[in-house]
């Protein structure tokens, strides 16, 4: 529609019907949604939300796509998209957003790879109190078929993160022990010069308090 951008801008300035997300994107005002009777419990509304999620994904708006899937109640689809598109959030400095979206998922649907991503995101975005929670979710969900990118041993990856991110500074000896175990597991799995295992071990040694 010709002139639609000007119309939307005018509606937003008048606080009518739409709310500006940026200079190009808008969403319906909350009061308009309520007046229209939209509810995520309605089957028709859920399908609209799924279609919107597909549209956002196709246009590179992964965060909005996940939000719409969550609103539609498609927790598993939201989890799969967060897992697949984790690099999208890192490239945009959006680890806080990744964590916030992950926190909206029931722990039972979060698979091990995403649980580790969320633990890392929690630390990187200043929510260290959530690191151990997501590492514990990883342990609960992990099985013999779990594969973690960049690690031969999934257990080693979890122990390394628990050592460097999930252990208080006052427990530096425990952090070293966890990272040493991670290194040993990775070596036993066939990778005695794994850079991530070595980096975690070096970080733990560096933070170790003198006895």
C-alpha atoms as a PDB file:
ATOM      1  CA  UNK A   1       0.000   0.000   0.000  1.00  0.00           C
ATOM      2  CA  UNK A   2       1.476   3.332  -1.080  1.00  0.00           C
ATOM      3  CA  UNK A   3       2.075   5.662   1.842  1.00  0.00           C
ATOM      4  CA  UNK A   4       1.587   2.911   4.401  1.00  0.00           C
ATOM      5  CA  UNK A   5       4.815   3.829   6.212  1.00  0.00           C
ATOM      6  CA  UNK A   6       3.539   7.372   6.794  1.00  0.00           C
ATOM      7  CA  UNK A   7       0.181   6.049   7.997  1.00  0.00           C
ATOM      8  CA  UNK A   8       1.822   3.658  10.440  1.00  0.00           C
ATOM      9  CA  UNK A   9       4.103   6.408  11.726  1.00  0.00           C
ATOM     10  CA  UNK A  10       1.132   8.711  12.249  1.00  0.00           C
ATOM     11  CA  UNK A  11      -0.807   5.984  14.076  1.00  0.00           C
ATOM     12  CA  UNK A  12       2.166   5.342  16.323  1.00  0.00           C
ATOM     13  CA  UNK A  13       2.574   9.040  17.127  1.00  0.00           C
ATOM     14  CA  UNK A  14      -1.105   9.190  18.052  1.00  0.00           C
ATOM     15  CA  UNK A  15      -0.719   6.044  20.188  1.00  0.00           C
ATOM     16  CA  UNK A  16      -3.371   4.294  18.106  1.00  0.00           C
ATOM     17  CA  UNK A  17      -3.416   0.623  17.116  1.00  0.00           C
ATOM     18  CA  UNK A  18       0.334   0.079  16.659  1.00  0.00           C
ATOM     19  CA  UNK A  19       3.586   0.275  18.611  1.00  0.00           C
ATOM     20  CA  UNK A  20       6.869   0.984  16.808  1.00  0.00           C
ATOM     21  CA  UNK A  21       9.631  -1.561  17.285  1.00  0.00           C
ATOM     22  CA  UNK A  22      12.063   0.486  15.186  1.00  0.00           C
ATOM     23  CA  UNK A  23      11.791   2.703  12.102  1.00  0.00           C
ATOM     24  CA  UNK A  24      10.518  -0.143   9.953  1.00  0.00           C
ATOM     25  CA  UNK A  25       8.676  -2.645  12.150  1.00  0.00           C
ATOM     26  CA  UNK A  26       5.471  -2.297  14.132  1.00  0.00           C
ATOM     27  CA  UNK A  27       3.254  -4.532  16.224  1.00  0.00           C
ATOM     28  CA  UNK A  28      -0.366  -4.221  17.229  1.00  0.00           C
ATOM     29  CA  UNK A  29      -1.013  -2.216  20.353  1.00  0.00           C
ATOM     30  CA  UNK A  30      -1.858  -4.388  23.376  1.00  0.00           C
ATOM     31  CA  UNK A  31      -5.257  -2.741  23.758  1.00  0.00           C
ATOM     32  CA  UNK A  32      -6.099  -3.501  20.117  1.00  0.00           C
ATOM     33  CA  UNK A  33      -5.195  -7.138  20.584  1.00  0.00           C
ATOM     34  CA  UNK A  34      -7.416  -7.294  23.641  1.00  0.00           C
ATOM     35  CA  UNK A  35     -10.290  -5.589  21.812  1.00  0.00           C
ATOM     36  CA  UNK A  36     -10.008  -8.092  18.966  1.00  0.00           C
ATOM     37  CA  UNK A  37     -10.191 -10.904  21.498  1.00  0.00           C
ATOM     38  CA  UNK A  38      -6.932 -12.539  20.442  1.00  0.00           C
ATOM     39  CA  UNK A  39      -5.953 -15.385  22.710  1.00  0.00           C
ATOM     40  CA  UNK A  40      -3.105 -17.831  22.326  1.00  0.00           C
ATOM     41  CA  UNK A  41      -5.458 -20.563  23.581  1.00  0.00           C
ATOM     42  CA  UNK A  42      -7.533 -20.245  20.416  1.00  0.00           C
ATOM     43  CA  UNK A  43      -6.587 -22.703  17.652  1.00  0.00           C
ATOM     44  CA  UNK A  44      -6.976 -20.092  14.921  1.00  0.00           C
ATOM     45  CA  UNK A  45      -4.809 -17.609  16.783  1.00  0.00           C
ATOM     46  CA  UNK A  46      -2.109 -20.236  17.332  1.00  0.00           C
ATOM     47  CA  UNK A  47      -1.981 -20.922  13.601  1.00  0.00           C
ATOM     48  CA  UNK A  48      -1.641 -17.196  12.878  1.00  0.00           C
ATOM     49  CA  UNK A  49       1.205 -17.034  15.393  1.00  0.00           C
ATOM     50  CA  UNK A  50       2.930 -20.001  13.728  1.00  0.00           C
ATOM     51  CA  UNK A  51       2.624 -18.359  10.319  1.00  0.00           C
ATOM     52  CA  UNK A  52       4.038 -15.146  11.758  1.00  0.00           C
ATOM     53  CA  UNK A  53       6.938 -17.130  13.233  1.00  0.00           C
ATOM     54  CA  UNK A  54       7.724 -18.619   9.820  1.00  0.00           C
ATOM     55  CA  UNK A  55       7.601 -15.169   8.247  1.00  0.00           C
ATOM     56  CA  UNK A  56       9.953 -13.705  10.868  1.00  0.00           C
ATOM     57  CA  UNK A  57      12.348 -16.625  10.460  1.00  0.00           C
ATOM     58  CA  UNK A  58      12.406 -16.218   6.693  1.00  0.00           C
ATOM     59  CA  UNK A  59      13.205 -12.522   7.138  1.00  0.00           C
ATOM     60  CA  UNK A  60      16.032 -13.074   9.594  1.00  0.00           C
ATOM     61  CA  UNK A  61      14.157 -12.007  12.725  1.00  0.00           C
ATOM     62  CA  UNK A  62      14.959 -15.111  14.745  1.00  0.00           C
ATOM     63  CA  UNK A  63      14.168 -13.592  18.140  1.00  0.00           C
ATOM     64  CA  UNK A  64      10.699 -12.554  16.988  1.00  0.00           C
ATOM     65  CA  UNK A  65      10.159 -15.960  15.397  1.00  0.00           C
ATOM     66  CA  UNK A  66      10.909 -17.667  18.709  1.00  0.00           C
ATOM     67  CA  UNK A  67       8.624 -15.278  20.598  1.00  0.00           C
ATOM     68  CA  UNK A  68       5.737 -16.103  18.288  1.00  0.00           C
ATOM     69  CA  UNK A  69       6.327 -19.841  18.633  1.00  0.00           C
ATOM     70  CA  UNK A  70       6.314 -19.468  22.398  1.00  0.00           C
ATOM     71  CA  UNK A  71       3.103 -17.453  22.249  1.00  0.00           C
ATOM     72  CA  UNK A  72       1.588 -20.198  20.094  1.00  0.00           C
ATOM     73  CA  UNK A  73       2.531 -22.795  22.697  1.00  0.00           C
ATOM     74  CA  UNK A  74       4.962 -24.530  20.323  1.00  0.00           C
ATOM     75  CA  UNK A  75       7.668 -25.006  22.937  1.00  0.00           C
ATOM     76  CA  UNK A  76       9.486 -27.785  21.081  1.00  0.00           C
ATOM     77  CA  UNK A  77       9.639 -25.778  17.846  1.00  0.00           C
ATOM     78  CA  UNK A  78      10.906 -22.757  19.801  1.00  0.00           C
ATOM     79  CA  UNK A  79      13.564 -24.917  21.462  1.00  0.00           C
ATOM     80  CA  UNK A  80      14.710 -26.326  18.118  1.00  0.00           C
ATOM     81  CA  UNK A  81      14.962 -22.858  16.591  1.00  0.00           C
ATOM     82  CA  UNK A  82      16.931 -21.477  19.551  1.00  0.00           C
ATOM     83  CA  UNK A  83      19.338 -24.411  19.324  1.00  0.00           C
ATOM     84  CA  UNK A  84      19.828 -24.119  15.567  1.00  0.00           C
ATOM     85  CA  UNK A  85      20.179 -20.342  15.582  1.00  0.00           C
ATOM     86  CA  UNK A  86      22.397 -19.910  18.633  1.00  0.00           C
ATOM     87  CA  UNK A  87      25.157 -18.344  16.446  1.00  0.00           C
ATOM     88  CA  UNK A  88      22.620 -15.714  15.276  1.00  0.00           C
ATOM     89  CA  UNK A  89      22.342 -14.407  18.840  1.00  0.00           C
ATOM     90  CA  UNK A  90      26.110 -14.456  19.427  1.00  0.00           C
ATOM     91  CA  UNK A  91      26.818 -12.516  16.233  1.00  0.00           C
ATOM     92  CA  UNK A  92      24.411  -9.779  17.357  1.00  0.00           C
ATOM     93  CA  UNK A  93      25.514  -9.620  20.968  1.00  0.00           C
ATOM     94  CA  UNK A  94      22.159 -11.042  21.946  1.00  0.00           C
ATOM     95  CA  UNK A  95      23.047 -13.629  24.565  1.00  0.00           C
ATOM     96  CA  UNK A  96      20.798 -11.857  27.070  1.00  0.00           C
ATOM     97  CA  UNK A  97      17.912 -12.279  24.631  1.00  0.00           C
ATOM     98  CA  UNK A  98      18.824 -15.933  24.064  1.00  0.00           C
ATOM     99  CA  UNK A  99      18.709 -16.511  27.813  1.00  0.00           C
ATOM    100  CA  UNK A 100      15.432 -14.623  28.270  1.00  0.00           C
ATOM    101  CA  UNK A 101      13.762 -16.702  25.558  1.00  0.00           C
ATOM    102  CA  UNK A 102      15.212 -19.936  26.901  1.00  0.00           C
ATOM    103  CA  UNK A 103      13.937 -19.122  30.370  1.00  0.00           C
ATOM    104  CA  UNK A 104      10.409 -19.133  28.960  1.00  0.00           C
ATOM    105  CA  UNK A 105      10.729 -22.796  27.979  1.00  0.00           C
ATOM    106  CA  UNK A 106       9.793 -25.638  30.321  1.00  0.00           C
ATOM    107  CA  UNK A 107      13.032 -27.316  31.390  1.00  0.00           C
ATOM    108  CA  UNK A 108      11.661 -30.671  30.241  1.00  0.00           C
ATOM    109  CA  UNK A 109      11.791 -29.642  26.555  1.00  0.00           C
ATOM    110  CA  UNK A 110      15.286 -28.128  26.676  1.00  0.00           C
ATOM    111  CA  UNK A 111      17.733 -30.588  25.146  1.00  0.00           C
ATOM    112  CA  UNK A 112      21.383 -30.800  26.293  1.00  0.00           C
ATOM    113  CA  UNK A 113      22.974 -28.566  23.612  1.00  0.00           C
ATOM    114  CA  UNK A 114      20.626 -25.672  24.342  1.00  0.00           C
ATOM    115  CA  UNK A 115      21.042 -26.160  28.098  1.00  0.00           C
ATOM    116  CA  UNK A 116      24.797 -25.595  27.703  1.00  0.00           C
ATOM    117  CA  UNK A 117      24.216 -22.566  25.454  1.00  0.00           C
ATOM    118  CA  UNK A 118      21.904 -21.105  28.096  1.00  0.00           C
ATOM    119  CA  UNK A 119      24.457 -21.687  30.848  1.00  0.00           C
ATOM    120  CA  UNK A 120      27.041 -19.816  28.789  1.00  0.00           C
ATOM    121  CA  UNK A 121      24.526 -17.083  27.939  1.00  0.00           C
ATOM    122  CA  UNK A 122      23.636 -16.699  31.623  1.00  0.00           C
ATOM    123  CA  UNK A 123      27.256 -16.056  32.538  1.00  0.00           C
ATOM    124  CA  UNK A 124      27.900 -13.741  29.601  1.00  0.00           C
ATOM    125  CA  UNK A 125      24.814 -11.626  30.246  1.00  0.00           C
ATOM    126  CA  UNK A 126      25.403 -11.163  33.959  1.00  0.00           C
ATOM    127  CA  UNK A 127      22.983 -13.787  35.270  1.00  0.00           C
ATOM    128  CA  UNK A 128      25.467 -16.116  36.917  1.00  0.00           C
ATOM    129  CA  UNK A 129      22.805 -17.317  39.341  1.00  0.00           C
ATOM    130  CA  UNK A 130      21.248 -19.226  36.409  1.00  0.00           C
ATOM    131  CA  UNK A 131      24.447 -20.960  35.230  1.00  0.00           C
ATOM    132  CA  UNK A 132      24.200 -23.927  37.586  1.00  0.00           C
ATOM    133  CA  UNK A 133      20.493 -24.328  36.892  1.00  0.00           C
ATOM    134  CA  UNK A 134      21.089 -24.833  33.182  1.00  0.00           C
ATOM    135  CA  UNK A 135      24.081 -27.081  33.771  1.00  0.00           C
ATOM    136  CA  UNK A 136      21.865 -29.221  36.005  1.00  0.00           C
ATOM    137  CA  UNK A 137      19.243 -29.326  33.221  1.00  0.00           C
ATOM    138  CA  UNK A 138      21.993 -30.546  30.883  1.00  0.00           C
ATOM    139  CA  UNK A 139      22.897 -33.361  33.281  1.00  0.00           C
ATOM    140  CA  UNK A 140      19.261 -34.397  33.668  1.00  0.00           C
ATOM    141  CA  UNK A 141      18.654 -34.470  29.902  1.00  0.00           C
ATOM    142  CA  UNK A 142      21.971 -35.950  28.771  1.00  0.00           C
ATOM    143  CA  UNK A 143      22.170 -39.542  27.571  1.00  0.00           C
ATOM    144  CA  UNK A 144      24.745 -41.696  25.791  1.00  0.00           C
ATOM    145  CA  UNK A 145      23.779 -40.228  22.408  1.00  0.00           C
ATOM    146  CA  UNK A 146      24.249 -36.594  23.417  1.00  0.00           C
ATOM    147  CA  UNK A 147      26.600 -34.722  21.095  1.00  0.00           C
ATOM    148  CA  UNK A 148      27.995 -31.283  21.913  1.00  0.00           C
ATOM    149  CA  UNK A 149      29.623 -29.193  19.220  1.00  0.00           C
ATOM    150  CA  UNK A 150      33.418 -28.879  19.630  1.00  0.00           C
ATOM    151  CA  UNK A 151      33.566 -31.650  22.257  1.00  0.00           C
ATOM    152  CA  UNK A 152      34.150 -35.361  21.860  1.00  0.00           C
ATOM    153  CA  UNK A 153      32.822 -35.979  25.370  1.00  0.00           C
ATOM    154  CA  UNK A 154      29.584 -34.214  26.251  1.00  0.00           C
ATOM    155  CA  UNK A 155      30.240 -34.826  29.928  1.00  0.00           C
ATOM    156  CA  UNK A 156      33.640 -33.127  29.593  1.00  0.00           C
ATOM    157  CA  UNK A 157      32.011 -30.034  28.103  1.00  0.00           C
ATOM    158  CA  UNK A 158      29.602 -29.793  31.011  1.00  0.00           C
ATOM    159  CA  UNK A 159      32.323 -30.264  33.628  1.00  0.00           C
ATOM    160  CA  UNK A 160      34.516 -27.614  32.018  1.00  0.00           C
ATOM    161  CA  UNK A 161      31.700 -25.077  32.027  1.00  0.00           C
ATOM    162  CA  UNK A 162      30.761 -25.997  35.583  1.00  0.00           C
ATOM    163  CA  UNK A 163      34.362 -25.474  36.612  1.00  0.00           C
ATOM    164  CA  UNK A 164      34.959 -22.099  34.970  1.00  0.00           C
ATOM    165  CA  UNK A 165      31.458 -20.621  35.100  1.00  0.00           C
ATOM    166  CA  UNK A 166      29.445 -22.470  37.730  1.00  0.00           C
ATOM    167  CA  UNK A 167      31.902 -22.603  40.621  1.00  0.00           C
ATOM    168  CA  UNK A 168      32.386 -19.684  43.048  1.00  0.00           C
ATOM    169  CA  UNK A 169      35.838 -18.054  43.164  1.00  0.00           C
ATOM    170  CA  UNK A 170      36.108 -19.167  46.772  1.00  0.00           C
ATOM    171  CA  UNK A 171      36.039 -22.807  45.556  1.00  0.00           C
ATOM    172  CA  UNK A 172      38.933 -22.555  43.124  1.00  0.00           C
ATOM    173  CA  UNK A 173      40.300 -25.985  44.088  1.00  0.00           C
ATOM    174  CA  UNK A 174      36.978 -27.562  43.097  1.00  0.00           C
ATOM    175  CA  UNK A 175      37.032 -25.663  39.797  1.00  0.00           C
ATOM    176  CA  UNK A 176      40.490 -27.079  39.062  1.00  0.00           C
ATOM    177  CA  UNK A 177      39.339 -30.604  39.901  1.00  0.00           C
ATOM    178  CA  UNK A 178      36.331 -30.302  37.572  1.00  0.00           C
ATOM    179  CA  UNK A 179      38.441 -28.985  34.704  1.00  0.00           C
ATOM    180  CA  UNK A 180      41.087 -31.662  35.230  1.00  0.00           C
ATOM    181  CA  UNK A 181      38.367 -34.308  35.047  1.00  0.00           C
ATOM    182  CA  UNK A 182      37.026 -32.671  31.891  1.00  0.00           C
ATOM    183  CA  UNK A 183      40.477 -32.766  30.321  1.00  0.00           C
ATOM    184  CA  UNK A 184      40.916 -36.430  31.253  1.00  0.00           C
ATOM    185  CA  UNK A 185      37.525 -37.350  29.779  1.00  0.00           C
ATOM    186  CA  UNK A 186      38.306 -35.488  26.568  1.00  0.00           C
ATOM    187  CA  UNK A 187      41.682 -37.206  26.340  1.00  0.00           C
ATOM    188  CA  UNK A 188      40.058 -40.601  26.877  1.00  0.00           C
ATOM    189  CA  UNK A 189      37.598 -39.751  24.113  1.00  0.00           C
ATOM    190  CA  UNK A 190      40.503 -39.304  21.707  1.00  0.00           C
ATOM    191  CA  UNK A 191      41.396 -35.625  21.897  1.00  0.00           C
ATOM    192  CA  UNK A 192      44.456 -34.982  24.086  1.00  0.00           C
ATOM    193  CA  UNK A 193      45.024 -31.482  22.687  1.00  0.00           C
ATOM    194  CA  UNK A 194      41.503 -30.162  22.743  1.00  0.00           C
ATOM    195  CA  UNK A 195      41.720 -26.333  22.784  1.00  0.00           C
ATOM    196  CA  UNK A 196      38.540 -25.797  24.803  1.00  0.00           C
ATOM    197  CA  UNK A 197      39.508 -28.342  27.450  1.00  0.00           C
ATOM    198  CA  UNK A 198      42.981 -26.811  27.698  1.00  0.00           C
ATOM    199  CA  UNK A 199      41.550 -23.287  27.867  1.00  0.00           C
ATOM    200  CA  UNK A 200      39.189 -24.246  30.686  1.00  0.00           C
ATOM    201  CA  UNK A 201      41.994 -25.965  32.581  1.00  0.00           C
ATOM    202  CA  UNK A 202      44.289 -22.989  32.131  1.00  0.00           C
ATOM    203  CA  UNK A 203      41.601 -20.605  33.355  1.00  0.00           C
ATOM    204  CA  UNK A 204      40.978 -22.748  36.419  1.00  0.00           C
ATOM    205  CA  UNK A 205      44.704 -22.934  37.219  1.00  0.00           C
ATOM    206  CA  UNK A 206      44.995 -19.171  36.776  1.00  0.00           C
ATOM    207  CA  UNK A 207      42.201 -18.497  39.245  1.00  0.00           C
ATOM    208  CA  UNK A 208      43.432 -21.006  41.827  1.00  0.00           C
ATOM    209  CA  UNK A 209      44.112 -19.513  45.209  1.00  0.00           C
ATOM    210  CA  UNK A 210      47.436 -20.279  46.848  1.00  0.00           C
ATOM    211  CA  UNK A 211      47.273 -22.837  49.635  1.00  0.00           C
END
